[in-house]
Protein backbone atom coordinates (compact mmCIF):
# COMPACT_ATOMS: atom_id res chain seq x y z
CA MET A 1 53.08 -109.11 -23.09
CA ASN A 2 50.70 -110.23 -19.75
CA GLU A 3 46.81 -109.43 -19.82
CA ARG A 4 46.07 -108.87 -16.29
CA GLY A 5 42.43 -108.27 -15.24
CA MET A 6 41.54 -105.00 -13.03
CA ILE A 7 39.20 -104.81 -10.24
CA PHE A 8 36.75 -101.52 -10.53
CA ASN A 9 34.32 -99.99 -8.09
CA ALA A 10 30.75 -99.71 -9.27
CA GLU A 11 31.41 -96.02 -10.31
CA MET A 12 34.57 -96.90 -11.93
CA VAL A 13 32.61 -99.48 -14.15
CA ARG A 14 29.72 -96.77 -15.26
CA ALA A 15 32.88 -94.16 -15.45
CA ILE A 16 34.34 -96.41 -18.63
CA LEU A 17 31.10 -97.67 -19.86
CA GLU A 18 29.86 -93.85 -20.29
CA GLY A 19 33.26 -93.04 -21.69
CA ARG A 20 34.19 -91.41 -19.16
CA LYS A 21 37.42 -92.86 -17.55
CA THR A 22 39.88 -93.77 -20.94
CA GLN A 23 42.39 -94.18 -19.01
CA THR A 24 43.89 -95.92 -16.01
CA ARG A 25 47.26 -96.00 -14.16
CA ARG A 26 48.76 -98.87 -12.09
CA PRO A 27 52.42 -99.21 -10.20
CA VAL A 28 55.13 -101.03 -11.87
CA LYS A 29 56.78 -103.52 -10.27
CA PRO A 30 59.71 -104.00 -9.84
CA GLN A 31 59.56 -99.75 -9.83
CA PRO A 32 62.95 -98.46 -12.31
CA GLU A 33 66.29 -97.16 -10.12
CA LEU A 34 68.15 -93.70 -11.42
CA THR A 35 71.42 -94.89 -12.46
CA GLU A 36 74.98 -93.01 -12.03
CA ARG A 37 75.26 -92.23 -15.74
CA SER A 38 72.42 -93.50 -17.85
CA GLY A 39 68.84 -92.41 -16.81
CA PHE A 40 66.57 -95.37 -15.50
CA SER A 41 66.96 -98.73 -15.31
CA TRP A 42 64.55 -101.17 -15.80
CA ASN A 43 65.71 -105.07 -14.99
CA GLY A 44 68.94 -104.24 -16.32
CA ALA A 45 67.51 -101.94 -19.62
CA VAL A 46 68.59 -98.34 -19.70
CA PHE A 47 65.93 -95.96 -20.35
CA GLY A 48 65.88 -91.96 -20.16
CA SER A 49 68.32 -89.26 -20.64
CA GLY A 50 72.36 -89.64 -20.77
CA SER A 51 72.99 -86.82 -18.59
CA ASP A 52 76.13 -87.64 -15.94
CA ASP A 53 74.15 -85.14 -13.31
CA ARG A 54 71.63 -87.38 -11.23
CA GLU A 55 70.19 -84.27 -10.01
CA THR A 56 69.06 -83.07 -13.23
CA ASN A 57 67.85 -87.09 -14.08
CA ARG A 58 65.91 -86.92 -11.06
CA ASN A 59 63.97 -83.78 -11.71
CA PHE A 60 63.65 -83.84 -15.86
CA ALA A 61 64.34 -87.27 -17.15
CA HIS A 62 62.61 -88.34 -19.89
CA VAL A 63 61.82 -91.68 -19.81
CA LYS A 64 61.00 -94.17 -22.76
CA CYS A 65 58.08 -96.29 -21.64
CA PRO A 66 59.03 -100.09 -21.92
CA PHE A 67 55.57 -101.20 -22.75
CA GLY A 68 55.16 -99.50 -25.96
CA LYS A 69 52.64 -97.35 -26.71
CA PRO A 70 49.10 -96.75 -24.88
CA GLY A 71 46.55 -99.06 -26.22
């Protein structure tokens, strides 16, 4: 896994140091694609439910993070 630095503004740095900020979201590139039958595809690997209904997948699929657990 690659480590990449993040730039925070002064308020966010204070929140991190004071323990008020414990999580940060970062967009995933490339974005996962909804496949016809298998849930979501991330660079060719499939994650999520196996429903045949695209609308169900779009609304309710549980996607396993390809990067593992937080931390």
